[in-house]
PDB file of N, CA and C in Angstrom:
ATOM      1  N   MET A   1     -63.692   5.211  -4.782  1.00  0.00           N
ATOM      2  CA  MET A   1     -62.373   4.719  -4.085  1.00  0.00           C
ATOM      3  C   MET A   1     -62.562   3.202  -4.017  1.00  0.00           C
ATOM      4  N   PHE A   2     -61.438   2.614  -4.370  1.00  0.00           N
ATOM      5  CA  PHE A   2     -61.379   1.123  -4.212  1.00  0.00           C
ATOM      6  C   PHE A   2     -61.208   0.629  -2.825  1.00  0.00           C
ATOM      7  N   VAL A   3     -62.119  -0.282  -2.497  1.00  0.00           N
ATOM      8  CA  VAL A   3     -62.064  -0.878  -1.190  1.00  0.00           C
ATOM      9  C   VAL A   3     -61.960  -2.407  -1.275  1.00  0.00           C
ATOM     10  N   SER A   4     -60.975  -2.941  -0.728  1.00  0.00           N
ATOM     11  CA  SER A   4     -60.869  -4.462  -0.844  1.00  0.00           C
ATOM     12  C   SER A   4     -61.916  -5.128  -0.012  1.00  0.00           C
ATOM     13  N   LYS A   5     -62.336  -6.428  -0.461  1.00  0.00           N
ATOM     14  CA  LYS A   5     -63.327  -7.093   0.249  1.00  0.00           C
ATOM     15  C   LYS A   5     -62.873  -7.399   1.741  1.00  0.00           C
ATOM     16  N   ARG A   6     -61.581  -7.549   1.967  1.00  0.00           N
ATOM     17  CA  ARG A   6     -61.083  -7.839   3.261  1.00  0.00           C
ATOM     18  C   ARG A   6     -61.444  -6.750   4.165  1.00  0.00           C
ATOM     19  N   MET A   7     -61.392  -5.452   3.676  1.00  0.00           N
ATOM     20  CA  MET A   7     -61.492  -4.321   4.599  1.00  0.00           C
ATOM     21  C   MET A   7     -62.886  -3.700   4.582  1.00  0.00           C
ATOM     22  N   THR A   8     -63.912  -4.317   4.003  1.00  0.00           N
ATOM     23  CA  THR A   8     -65.166  -3.777   3.878  1.00  0.00           C
ATOM     24  C   THR A   8     -65.840  -3.452   5.237  1.00  0.00           C
ATOM     25  N   GLY A   9     -65.550  -4.338   6.170  1.00  0.00           N
ATOM     26  CA  GLY A   9     -66.168  -4.044   7.438  1.00  0.00           C
ATOM     27  C   GLY A   9     -65.357  -3.060   8.339  1.00  0.00           C
ATOM     28  N   CYS A  10     -64.324  -2.470   7.798  1.00  0.00           N
ATOM     29  CA  CYS A  10     -63.481  -1.574   8.516  1.00  0.00           C
ATOM     30  C   CYS A  10     -63.786  -0.177   8.331  1.00  0.00           C
ATOM     31  N   SER A  11     -63.591   0.652   9.432  1.00  0.00           N
ATOM     32  CA  SER A  11     -63.875   2.035   9.287  1.00  0.00           C
ATOM     33  C   SER A  11     -62.709   2.781   8.455  1.00  0.00           C
ATOM     34  N   ASN A  12     -63.047   4.026   8.085  1.00  0.00           N
ATOM     35  CA  ASN A  12     -61.942   4.736   7.373  1.00  0.00           C
ATOM     36  C   ASN A  12     -60.640   4.907   8.073  1.00  0.00           C
ATOM     37  N   LYS A  13     -60.750   5.140   9.411  1.00  0.00           N
ATOM     38  CA  LYS A  13     -59.611   5.295  10.284  1.00  0.00           C
ATOM     39  C   LYS A  13     -58.740   3.958  10.315  1.00  0.00           C
ATOM     40  N   GLU A  14     -59.485   2.842  10.344  1.00  0.00           N
ATOM     41  CA  GLU A  14     -58.768   1.601  10.446  1.00  0.00           C
ATOM     42  C   GLU A  14     -58.042   1.400   9.092  1.00  0.00           C
ATOM     43  N   ARG A  15     -58.691   1.675   8.024  1.00  0.00           N
ATOM     44  CA  ARG A  15     -58.014   1.487   6.691  1.00  0.00           C
ATOM     45  C   ARG A  15     -56.863   2.466   6.535  1.00  0.00           C
ATOM     46  N   ASP A  16     -57.042   3.629   7.015  1.00  0.00           N
ATOM     47  CA  ASP A  16     -55.876   4.587   6.958  1.00  0.00           C
ATOM     48  C   ASP A  16     -54.647   4.076   7.810  1.00  0.00           C
ATOM     49  N   LEU A  17     -54.954   3.547   9.025  1.00  0.00           N
ATOM     50  CA  LEU A  17     -53.857   3.032   9.966  1.00  0.00           C
ATOM     51  C   LEU A  17     -53.238   1.765   9.237  1.00  0.00           C
ATOM     52  N   THR A  18     -54.074   0.979   8.612  1.00  0.00           N
ATOM     53  CA  THR A  18     -53.465  -0.199   7.919  1.00  0.00           C
ATOM     54  C   THR A  18     -52.570   0.308   6.757  1.00  0.00           C
ATOM     55  N   LYS A  19     -52.897   1.291   6.057  1.00  0.00           N
ATOM     56  CA  LYS A  19     -52.161   1.800   4.959  1.00  0.00           C
ATOM     57  C   LYS A  19     -50.762   2.287   5.536  1.00  0.00           C
ATOM     58  N   GLU A  20     -50.908   3.161   6.600  1.00  0.00           N
ATOM     59  CA  GLU A  20     -49.765   3.721   7.211  1.00  0.00           C
ATOM     60  C   GLU A  20     -48.738   2.694   7.782  1.00  0.00           C
ATOM     61  N   ALA A  21     -49.252   1.682   8.349  1.00  0.00           N
ATOM     62  CA  ALA A  21     -48.433   0.539   8.865  1.00  0.00           C
ATOM     63  C   ALA A  21     -47.865  -0.218   7.778  1.00  0.00           C
ATOM     64  N   THR A  22     -48.531  -0.426   6.648  1.00  0.00           N
ATOM     65  CA  THR A  22     -47.951  -1.133   5.493  1.00  0.00           C
ATOM     66  C   THR A  22     -46.765  -0.296   4.913  1.00  0.00           C
ATOM     67  N   ALA A  23     -47.078   1.057   4.846  1.00  0.00           N
ATOM     68  CA  ALA A  23     -45.994   1.905   4.256  1.00  0.00           C
ATOM     69  C   ALA A  23     -44.762   1.994   5.141  1.00  0.00           C
ATOM     70  N   ALA A  24     -44.995   2.020   6.423  1.00  0.00           N
ATOM     71  CA  ALA A  24     -43.932   2.079   7.385  1.00  0.00           C
ATOM     72  C   ALA A  24     -43.093   0.764   7.287  1.00  0.00           C
ATOM     73  N   ALA A  25     -43.749  -0.316   7.287  1.00  0.00           N
ATOM     74  CA  ALA A  25     -43.037  -1.601   7.104  1.00  0.00           C
ATOM     75  C   ALA A  25     -42.284  -1.713   5.850  1.00  0.00           C
ATOM     76  N   ALA A  26     -42.806  -1.138   4.766  1.00  0.00           N
ATOM     77  CA  ALA A  26     -42.085  -1.139   3.524  1.00  0.00           C
ATOM     78  C   ALA A  26     -40.866  -0.373   3.549  1.00  0.00           C
ATOM     79  N   VAL A  27     -40.923   0.784   4.294  1.00  0.00           N
ATOM     80  CA  VAL A  27     -39.696   1.698   4.404  1.00  0.00           C
ATOM     81  C   VAL A  27     -38.662   1.009   5.233  1.00  0.00           C
ATOM     82  N   VAL A  28     -39.060   0.421   6.327  1.00  0.00           N
ATOM     83  CA  VAL A  28     -38.100  -0.270   7.158  1.00  0.00           C
ATOM     84  C   VAL A  28     -37.338  -1.482   6.423  1.00  0.00           C
ATOM     85  N   VAL A  29     -38.157  -2.228   5.674  1.00  0.00           N
ATOM     86  CA  VAL A  29     -37.525  -3.297   4.863  1.00  0.00           C
ATOM     87  C   VAL A  29     -36.624  -2.655   3.982  1.00  0.00           C
ATOM     88  N   LEU A  30     -36.940  -1.665   3.328  1.00  0.00           N
ATOM     89  CA  LEU A  30     -36.155  -1.045   2.288  1.00  0.00           C
ATOM     90  C   LEU A  30     -34.716  -0.413   2.894  1.00  0.00           C
ATOM     91  N   VAL A  31     -34.853   0.150   3.974  1.00  0.00           N
ATOM     92  CA  VAL A  31     -33.663   0.605   4.702  1.00  0.00           C
ATOM     93  C   VAL A  31     -32.805  -0.587   5.134  1.00  0.00           C
ATOM     94  N   VAL A  32     -33.341  -1.603   5.670  1.00  0.00           N
ATOM     95  CA  VAL A  32     -32.530  -2.711   6.005  1.00  0.00           C
ATOM     96  C   VAL A  32     -31.871  -3.337   4.773  1.00  0.00           C
ATOM     97  N   VAL A  33     -32.493  -3.448   3.647  1.00  0.00           N
ATOM     98  CA  VAL A  33     -31.906  -4.074   2.491  1.00  0.00           C
ATOM     99  C   VAL A  33     -30.899  -3.210   2.040  1.00  0.00           C
ATOM    100  N   VAL A  34     -31.010  -1.933   1.950  1.00  0.00           N
ATOM    101  CA  VAL A  34     -30.013  -1.031   1.543  1.00  0.00           C
ATOM    102  C   VAL A  34     -28.703  -1.042   2.317  1.00  0.00           C
ATOM    103  N   VAL A  35     -28.940  -1.048   3.678  1.00  0.00           N
ATOM    104  CA  VAL A  35     -27.890  -1.168   4.570  1.00  0.00           C
ATOM    105  C   VAL A  35     -27.047  -2.453   4.447  1.00  0.00           C
ATOM    106  N   VAL A  36     -27.741  -3.526   4.298  1.00  0.00           N
ATOM    107  CA  VAL A  36     -27.063  -4.844   4.095  1.00  0.00           C
ATOM    108  C   VAL A  36     -26.333  -4.871   2.778  1.00  0.00           C
ATOM    109  N   VAL A  37     -26.905  -4.274   1.767  1.00  0.00           N
ATOM    110  CA  VAL A  37     -26.219  -4.190   0.435  1.00  0.00           C
ATOM    111  C   VAL A  37     -24.968  -3.412   0.455  1.00  0.00           C
ATOM    112  N   VAL A  38     -25.105  -2.215   1.156  1.00  0.00           N
ATOM    113  CA  VAL A  38     -23.835  -1.320   1.305  1.00  0.00           C
ATOM    114  C   VAL A  38     -22.741  -2.064   2.145  1.00  0.00           C
ATOM    115  N   VAL A  39     -23.225  -2.723   3.225  1.00  0.00           N
ATOM    116  CA  VAL A  39     -22.148  -3.343   3.999  1.00  0.00           C
ATOM    117  C   VAL A  39     -21.459  -4.421   3.208  1.00  0.00           C
ATOM    118  N   VAL A  40     -22.222  -5.263   2.429  1.00  0.00           N
ATOM    119  CA  VAL A  40     -21.599  -6.399   1.758  1.00  0.00           C
ATOM    120  C   VAL A  40     -20.679  -5.862   0.659  1.00  0.00           C
ATOM    121  N   VAL A  41     -21.130  -4.758  -0.017  1.00  0.00           N
ATOM    122  CA  VAL A  41     -20.253  -4.103  -1.133  1.00  0.00           C
ATOM    123  C   VAL A  41     -18.976  -3.594  -0.490  1.00  0.00           C
ATOM    124  N   VAL A  42     -19.075  -2.945   0.619  1.00  0.00           N
ATOM    125  CA  VAL A  42     -17.847  -2.359   1.205  1.00  0.00           C
ATOM    126  C   VAL A  42     -16.924  -3.429   1.675  1.00  0.00           C
ATOM    127  N   LEU A  43     -17.522  -4.404   2.336  1.00  0.00           N
ATOM    128  CA  LEU A  43     -16.632  -5.594   2.803  1.00  0.00           C
ATOM    129  C   LEU A  43     -15.999  -6.316   1.597  1.00  0.00           C
ATOM    130  N   VAL A  44     -16.709  -6.482   0.504  1.00  0.00           N
ATOM    131  CA  VAL A  44     -16.080  -7.072  -0.680  1.00  0.00           C
ATOM    132  C   VAL A  44     -14.964  -6.252  -1.252  1.00  0.00           C
ATOM    133  N   VAL A  45     -15.247  -4.955  -1.286  1.00  0.00           N
ATOM    134  CA  VAL A  45     -14.150  -4.099  -1.809  1.00  0.00           C
ATOM    135  C   VAL A  45     -12.838  -4.092  -0.915  1.00  0.00           C
ATOM    136  N   VAL A  46     -13.079  -4.073   0.314  1.00  0.00           N
ATOM    137  CA  VAL A  46     -11.926  -4.156   1.332  1.00  0.00           C
ATOM    138  C   VAL A  46     -11.236  -5.463   1.109  1.00  0.00           C
ATOM    139  N   ALA A  47     -12.029  -6.485   0.986  1.00  0.00           N
ATOM    140  CA  ALA A  47     -11.387  -7.848   0.810  1.00  0.00           C
ATOM    141  C   ALA A  47     -10.543  -7.885  -0.461  1.00  0.00           C
ATOM    142  N   VAL A  48     -11.047  -7.305  -1.533  1.00  0.00           N
ATOM    143  CA  VAL A  48     -10.330  -7.361  -2.795  1.00  0.00           C
ATOM    144  C   VAL A  48      -9.037  -6.485  -2.647  1.00  0.00           C
ATOM    145  N   VAL A  49      -9.109  -5.348  -2.027  1.00  0.00           N
ATOM    146  CA  VAL A  49      -7.874  -4.544  -1.835  1.00  0.00           C
ATOM    147  C   VAL A  49      -6.811  -5.271  -1.005  1.00  0.00           C
ATOM    148  N   VAL A  50      -7.339  -5.933  -0.004  1.00  0.00           N
ATOM    149  CA  VAL A  50      -6.368  -6.689   0.889  1.00  0.00           C
ATOM    150  C   VAL A  50      -5.749  -7.744   0.002  1.00  0.00           C
ATOM    151  N   VAL A  51      -6.446  -8.527  -0.738  1.00  0.00           N
ATOM    152  CA  VAL A  51      -5.856  -9.523  -1.609  1.00  0.00           C
ATOM    153  C   VAL A  51      -4.959  -8.885  -2.586  1.00  0.00           C
ATOM    154  N   VAL A  52      -5.229  -7.794  -3.167  1.00  0.00           N
ATOM    155  CA  VAL A  52      -4.318  -7.226  -4.206  1.00  0.00           C
ATOM    156  C   VAL A  52      -2.974  -6.781  -3.426  1.00  0.00           C
ATOM    157  N   VAL A  53      -3.117  -6.230  -2.244  1.00  0.00           N
ATOM    158  CA  VAL A  53      -1.876  -5.901  -1.588  1.00  0.00           C
ATOM    159  C   VAL A  53      -1.032  -7.047  -1.169  1.00  0.00           C
ATOM    160  N   VAL A  54      -1.649  -8.089  -0.799  1.00  0.00           N
ATOM    161  CA  VAL A  54      -0.873  -9.433  -0.391  1.00  0.00           C
ATOM    162  C   VAL A  54      -0.262  -9.952  -1.651  1.00  0.00           C
ATOM    163  N   VAL A  55      -0.917 -10.027  -2.777  1.00  0.00           N
ATOM    164  CA  VAL A  55      -0.353 -10.566  -4.048  1.00  0.00           C
ATOM    165  C   VAL A  55       0.727  -9.688  -4.433  1.00  0.00           C
ATOM    166  N   VAL A  56       0.621  -8.374  -4.385  1.00  0.00           N
ATOM    167  CA  VAL A  56       1.716  -7.560  -4.762  1.00  0.00           C
ATOM    168  C   VAL A  56       2.924  -7.666  -3.874  1.00  0.00           C
ATOM    169  N   ALA A  57       2.749  -7.883  -2.630  1.00  0.00           N
ATOM    170  CA  ALA A  57       3.880  -8.120  -1.688  1.00  0.00           C
ATOM    171  C   ALA A  57       4.527  -9.445  -1.965  1.00  0.00           C
ATOM    172  N   VAL A  58       3.718 -10.508  -2.313  1.00  0.00           N
ATOM    173  CA  VAL A  58       4.382 -11.793  -2.772  1.00  0.00           C
ATOM    174  C   VAL A  58       5.138 -11.779  -3.965  1.00  0.00           C
ATOM    175  N   VAL A  59       4.639 -10.963  -4.987  1.00  0.00           N
ATOM    176  CA  VAL A  59       5.338 -10.778  -6.230  1.00  0.00           C
ATOM    177  C   VAL A  59       6.658 -10.036  -6.002  1.00  0.00           C
ATOM    178  N   VAL A  60       6.571  -9.011  -5.146  1.00  0.00           N
ATOM    179  CA  VAL A  60       7.836  -8.274  -4.905  1.00  0.00           C
ATOM    180  C   VAL A  60       8.841  -9.160  -4.228  1.00  0.00           C
ATOM    181  N   VAL A  61       8.472  -9.991  -3.211  1.00  0.00           N
ATOM    182  CA  VAL A  61       9.298 -10.850  -2.575  1.00  0.00           C
ATOM    183  C   VAL A  61       9.936 -11.800  -3.602  1.00  0.00           C
ATOM    184  N   VAL A  62       9.233 -12.433  -4.430  1.00  0.00           N
ATOM    185  CA  VAL A  62       9.699 -13.398  -5.405  1.00  0.00           C
ATOM    186  C   VAL A  62      10.699 -12.705  -6.373  1.00  0.00           C
ATOM    187  N   VAL A  63      10.332 -11.554  -6.843  1.00  0.00           N
ATOM    188  CA  VAL A  63      11.286 -10.779  -7.740  1.00  0.00           C
ATOM    189  C   VAL A  63      12.595 -10.475  -7.000  1.00  0.00           C
ATOM    190  N   VAL A  64      12.508 -10.024  -5.838  1.00  0.00           N
ATOM    191  CA  VAL A  64      13.585  -9.627  -5.059  1.00  0.00           C
ATOM    192  C   VAL A  64      14.502 -10.865  -4.723  1.00  0.00           C
ATOM    193  N   VAL A  65      13.931 -11.992  -4.417  1.00  0.00           N
ATOM    194  CA  VAL A  65      14.703 -13.218  -4.205  1.00  0.00           C
ATOM    195  C   VAL A  65      15.427 -13.663  -5.442  1.00  0.00           C
ATOM    196  N   VAL A  66      14.736 -13.559  -6.520  1.00  0.00           N
ATOM    197  CA  VAL A  66      15.410 -13.928  -7.857  1.00  0.00           C
ATOM    198  C   VAL A  66      16.551 -13.005  -8.075  1.00  0.00           C
ATOM    199  N   VAL A  67      16.329 -11.742  -7.946  1.00  0.00           N
ATOM    200  CA  VAL A  67      17.445 -10.711  -8.282  1.00  0.00           C
ATOM    201  C   VAL A  67      18.559 -10.971  -7.230  1.00  0.00           C
ATOM    202  N   VAL A  68      18.328 -11.207  -5.999  1.00  0.00           N
ATOM    203  CA  VAL A  68      19.404 -11.526  -5.083  1.00  0.00           C
ATOM    204  C   VAL A  68      20.169 -12.774  -5.368  1.00  0.00           C
ATOM    205  N   VAL A  69      19.407 -13.794  -5.707  1.00  0.00           N
ATOM    206  CA  VAL A  69      20.130 -15.133  -6.129  1.00  0.00           C
ATOM    207  C   VAL A  69      20.968 -14.785  -7.452  1.00  0.00           C
ATOM    208  N   VAL A  70      20.518 -14.084  -8.348  1.00  0.00           N
ATOM    209  CA  VAL A  70      21.174 -13.901  -9.610  1.00  0.00           C
ATOM    210  C   VAL A  70      22.354 -12.924  -9.419  1.00  0.00           C
ATOM    211  N   THR A  71      22.042 -11.799  -8.720  1.00  0.00           N
ATOM    212  CA  THR A  71      23.119 -10.772  -8.718  1.00  0.00           C
ATOM    213  C   THR A  71      23.924 -10.763  -7.293  1.00  0.00           C
ATOM    214  N   HIS A  72      23.334 -11.392  -6.266  1.00  0.00           N
ATOM    215  CA  HIS A  72      23.971 -11.331  -5.029  1.00  0.00           C
ATOM    216  C   HIS A  72      24.119  -9.946  -4.359  1.00  0.00           C
ATOM    217  N   VAL A  73      23.092  -9.126  -4.706  1.00  0.00           N
ATOM    218  CA  VAL A  73      23.110  -7.794  -4.130  1.00  0.00           C
ATOM    219  C   VAL A  73      22.310  -7.707  -2.866  1.00  0.00           C
ATOM    220  N   VAL A  74      23.023  -7.348  -1.857  1.00  0.00           N
ATOM    221  CA  VAL A  74      22.459  -7.321  -0.545  1.00  0.00           C
ATOM    222  C   VAL A  74      21.465  -6.081  -0.357  1.00  0.00           C
ATOM    223  N   VAL A  75      21.912  -5.000  -1.012  1.00  0.00           N
ATOM    224  CA  VAL A  75      21.061  -3.785  -0.907  1.00  0.00           C
ATOM    225  C   VAL A  75      19.661  -4.105  -1.341  1.00  0.00           C
ATOM    226  N   VAL A  76      19.442  -4.855  -2.302  1.00  0.00           N
ATOM    227  CA  VAL A  76      18.080  -5.150  -2.804  1.00  0.00           C
ATOM    228  C   VAL A  76      17.285  -5.857  -1.704  1.00  0.00           C
ATOM    229  N   VAL A  77      17.868  -6.659  -0.901  1.00  0.00           N
ATOM    230  CA  VAL A  77      17.166  -7.303   0.219  1.00  0.00           C
ATOM    231  C   VAL A  77      16.616  -6.358   1.207  1.00  0.00           C
ATOM    232  N   VAL A  78      17.372  -5.436   1.533  1.00  0.00           N
ATOM    233  CA  VAL A  78      16.921  -4.235   2.431  1.00  0.00           C
ATOM    234  C   VAL A  78      15.780  -3.475   1.819  1.00  0.00           C
ATOM    235  N   VAL A  79      15.827  -3.162   0.529  1.00  0.00           N
ATOM    236  CA  VAL A  79      14.769  -2.459  -0.194  1.00  0.00           C
ATOM    237  C   VAL A  79      13.504  -3.326  -0.179  1.00  0.00           C
ATOM    238  N   ALA A  80      13.674  -4.517  -0.590  1.00  0.00           N
ATOM    239  CA  ALA A  80      12.559  -5.532  -0.543  1.00  0.00           C
ATOM    240  C   ALA A  80      11.872  -5.702   0.808  1.00  0.00           C
ATOM    241  N   ALA A  81      12.675  -5.837   1.863  1.00  0.00           N
ATOM    242  CA  ALA A  81      12.083  -5.841   3.278  1.00  0.00           C
ATOM    243  C   ALA A  81      11.262  -4.742   3.541  1.00  0.00           C
ATOM    244  N   ALA A  82      11.789  -3.521   3.105  1.00  0.00           N
ATOM    245  CA  ALA A  82      11.034  -2.272   3.370  1.00  0.00           C
ATOM    246  C   ALA A  82       9.673  -2.292   2.657  1.00  0.00           C
ATOM    247  N   ILE A  83       9.750  -2.664   1.367  1.00  0.00           N
ATOM    248  CA  ILE A  83       8.479  -2.746   0.585  1.00  0.00           C
ATOM    249  C   ILE A  83       7.531  -3.776   1.300  1.00  0.00           C
ATOM    250  N   VAL A  84       7.956  -4.804   1.726  1.00  0.00           N
ATOM    251  CA  VAL A  84       7.159  -5.885   2.287  1.00  0.00           C
ATOM    252  C   VAL A  84       6.599  -5.295   3.652  1.00  0.00           C
ATOM    253  N   VAL A  85       7.296  -4.677   4.382  1.00  0.00           N
ATOM    254  CA  VAL A  85       6.825  -4.093   5.602  1.00  0.00           C
ATOM    255  C   VAL A  85       5.669  -3.076   5.344  1.00  0.00           C
ATOM    256  N   VAL A  86       5.916  -2.259   4.363  1.00  0.00           N
ATOM    257  CA  VAL A  86       4.824  -1.228   3.874  1.00  0.00           C
ATOM    258  C   VAL A  86       3.608  -1.946   3.446  1.00  0.00           C
ATOM    259  N   ALA A  87       3.778  -3.002   2.661  1.00  0.00           N
ATOM    260  CA  ALA A  87       2.552  -3.715   2.152  1.00  0.00           C
ATOM    261  C   ALA A  87       1.833  -4.434   3.232  1.00  0.00           C
ATOM    262  N   VAL A  88       2.607  -5.019   4.213  1.00  0.00           N
ATOM    263  CA  VAL A  88       1.952  -5.680   5.387  1.00  0.00           C
ATOM    264  C   VAL A  88       1.214  -4.666   6.267  1.00  0.00           C
ATOM    265  N   ALA A  89       1.791  -3.538   6.386  1.00  0.00           N
ATOM    266  CA  ALA A  89       1.220  -2.476   7.220  1.00  0.00           C
ATOM    267  C   ALA A  89      -0.094  -1.905   6.507  1.00  0.00           C
ATOM    268  N   ALA A  90      -0.016  -1.843   5.250  1.00  0.00           N
ATOM    269  CA  ALA A  90      -1.137  -1.370   4.483  1.00  0.00           C
ATOM    270  C   ALA A  90      -2.300  -2.427   4.642  1.00  0.00           C
ATOM    271  N   ALA A  91      -1.971  -3.725   4.544  1.00  0.00           N
ATOM    272  CA  ALA A  91      -2.955  -4.718   4.721  1.00  0.00           C
ATOM    273  C   ALA A  91      -3.596  -4.770   6.078  1.00  0.00           C
ATOM    274  N   ALA A  92      -2.757  -4.538   7.123  1.00  0.00           N
ATOM    275  CA  ALA A  92      -3.148  -4.420   8.392  1.00  0.00           C
ATOM    276  C   ALA A  92      -4.163  -3.323   8.689  1.00  0.00           C
ATOM    277  N   VAL A  93      -3.875  -2.137   8.118  1.00  0.00           N
ATOM    278  CA  VAL A  93      -4.711  -1.029   8.205  1.00  0.00           C
ATOM    279  C   VAL A  93      -6.062  -1.262   7.603  1.00  0.00           C
ATOM    280  N   LEU A  94      -6.057  -1.856   6.335  1.00  0.00           N
ATOM    281  CA  LEU A  94      -7.355  -2.157   5.810  1.00  0.00           C
ATOM    282  C   LEU A  94      -8.125  -3.223   6.485  1.00  0.00           C
ATOM    283  N   LEU A  95      -7.381  -4.199   7.097  1.00  0.00           N
ATOM    284  CA  LEU A  95      -8.190  -5.259   7.896  1.00  0.00           C
ATOM    285  C   LEU A  95      -8.738  -4.607   9.192  1.00  0.00           C
ATOM    286  N   SER A  96      -8.048  -3.692   9.703  1.00  0.00           N
ATOM    287  CA  SER A  96      -8.557  -3.135  10.947  1.00  0.00           C
ATOM    288  C   SER A  96      -9.670  -2.066  10.763  1.00  0.00           C
ATOM    289  N   TYR A  97      -9.814  -1.712   9.451  1.00  0.00           N
ATOM    290  CA  TYR A  97     -11.025  -0.822   9.220  1.00  0.00           C
ATOM    291  C   TYR A  97     -12.295  -1.700   9.082  1.00  0.00           C
ATOM    292  N   GLN A  98     -13.053  -1.666  10.098  1.00  0.00           N
ATOM    293  CA  GLN A  98     -14.275  -2.450  10.103  1.00  0.00           C
ATOM    294  C   GLN A  98     -15.569  -1.629  10.189  1.00  0.00           C
ATOM    295  N   LEU A  99     -16.455  -2.027   9.388  1.00  0.00           N
ATOM    296  CA  LEU A  99     -17.872  -1.312   9.479  1.00  0.00           C
ATOM    297  C   LEU A  99     -18.609  -1.959  10.531  1.00  0.00           C
ATOM    298  N   SER A 100     -19.354  -1.188  11.326  1.00  0.00           N
ATOM    299  CA  SER A 100     -20.299  -1.699  12.343  1.00  0.00           C
ATOM    300  C   SER A 100     -21.696  -1.126  12.036  1.00  0.00           C
ATOM    301  N   ILE A 101     -22.626  -2.028  12.284  1.00  0.00           N
ATOM    302  CA  ILE A 101     -24.054  -1.683  12.012  1.00  0.00           C
ATOM    303  C   ILE A 101     -24.652  -1.525  13.423  1.00  0.00           C
ATOM    304  N   VAL A 102     -25.045  -0.271  13.806  1.00  0.00           N
ATOM    305  CA  VAL A 102     -25.546   0.186  14.954  1.00  0.00           C
ATOM    306  C   VAL A 102     -27.064   0.189  14.996  1.00  0.00           C
ATOM    307  N   PHE A 103     -27.638  -0.414  16.056  1.00  0.00           N
ATOM    308  CA  PHE A 103     -29.143  -0.435  16.084  1.00  0.00           C
ATOM    309  C   PHE A 103     -29.556   0.779  16.890  1.00  0.00           C
ATOM    310  N   ILE A 104     -30.423   1.565  16.309  1.00  0.00           N
ATOM    311  CA  ILE A 104     -30.787   2.843  16.964  1.00  0.00           C
ATOM    312  C   ILE A 104     -32.286   2.882  17.242  1.00  0.00           C
ATOM    313  N   GLN A 105     -32.660   3.201  18.391  1.00  0.00           N
ATOM    314  CA  GLN A 105     -34.046   3.283  18.803  1.00  0.00           C
ATOM    315  C   GLN A 105     -34.526   4.679  18.506  1.00  0.00           C
ATOM    316  N   THR A 106     -35.409   4.984  17.632  1.00  0.00           N
ATOM    317  CA  THR A 106     -35.854   6.347  17.376  1.00  0.00           C
ATOM    318  C   THR A 106     -37.334   6.419  17.724  1.00  0.00           C
ATOM    319  N   PRO A 107     -37.861   7.669  17.910  1.00  0.00           N
ATOM    320  CA  PRO A 107     -39.271   7.797  18.327  1.00  0.00           C
ATOM    321  C   PRO A 107     -40.214   7.119  17.308  1.00  0.00           C
ATOM    322  N   GLY A 108     -39.850   7.242  15.991  1.00  0.00           N
ATOM    323  CA  GLY A 108     -40.685   6.607  14.956  1.00  0.00           C
ATOM    324  C   GLY A 108     -40.504   5.172  14.799  1.00  0.00           C
ATOM    325  N   GLY A 109     -39.618   4.560  15.403  1.00  0.00           N
ATOM    326  CA  GLY A 109     -39.316   3.097  15.197  1.00  0.00           C
ATOM    327  C   GLY A 109     -37.919   2.839  15.307  1.00  0.00           C
ATOM    328  N   ASN A 110     -37.439   1.771  14.774  1.00  0.00           N
ATOM    329  CA  ASN A 110     -36.047   1.228  14.858  1.00  0.00           C
ATOM    330  C   ASN A 110     -35.423   1.422  13.570  1.00  0.00           C
ATOM    331  N   LEU A 111     -34.174   2.016  13.525  1.00  0.00           N
ATOM    332  CA  LEU A 111     -33.513   2.097  12.315  1.00  0.00           C
ATOM    333  C   LEU A 111     -32.110   1.531  12.445  1.00  0.00           C
ATOM    334  N   PHE A 112     -31.444   1.144  11.398  1.00  0.00           N
ATOM    335  CA  PHE A 112     -30.131   0.648  11.381  1.00  0.00           C
ATOM    336  C   PHE A 112     -29.254   1.733  10.701  1.00  0.00           C
ATOM    337  N   GLN A 113     -28.039   1.977  11.357  1.00  0.00           N
ATOM    338  CA  GLN A 113     -27.214   2.991  10.669  1.00  0.00           C
ATOM    339  C   GLN A 113     -25.747   2.345  10.572  1.00  0.00           C
ATOM    340  N   VAL A 114     -25.120   2.656   9.398  1.00  0.00           N
ATOM    341  CA  VAL A 114     -23.742   2.224   9.305  1.00  0.00           C
ATOM    342  C   VAL A 114     -22.886   3.222   9.767  1.00  0.00           C
ATOM    343  N   LYS A 115     -21.949   2.818  10.690  1.00  0.00           N
ATOM    344  CA  LYS A 115     -20.925   3.746  11.235  1.00  0.00           C
ATOM    345  C   LYS A 115     -19.597   3.237  10.962  1.00  0.00           C
ATOM    346  N   SER A 116     -18.644   4.154  10.537  1.00  0.00           N
ATOM    347  CA  SER A 116     -17.338   3.704  10.384  1.00  0.00           C
ATOM    348  C   SER A 116     -16.544   4.408  11.575  1.00  0.00           C
ATOM    349  N   PRO A 117     -15.534   3.758  12.025  1.00  0.00           N
ATOM    350  CA  PRO A 117     -14.655   4.306  13.170  1.00  0.00           C
ATOM    351  C   PRO A 117     -13.932   5.463  12.748  1.00  0.00           C
TER     352      PRO A 117
END
């Protein structure tokens, strides 16, 4: 069995505890990294969806304004207003959907868990 020079003076129990502590620390770091990556990816996706909804709403408004100016049709304004209201409501729902990271104390140590409302 390979024994490092650093641990030559240690007992087998101390070596085993050191290995267990190192493995536990590696697992905790891995869990934290995975949680952070998941949160960042979800937030980027939500941000992209919100930007797309807002861009579509702006394009719809511009098209409707052009159509109203050219054809003077008032009905189109009502339809456009309804579309904009739906787009803004969708953006508001997406913005209100927030991820929260909850710190949990467990018997084996501390873990982070992603919870969505």
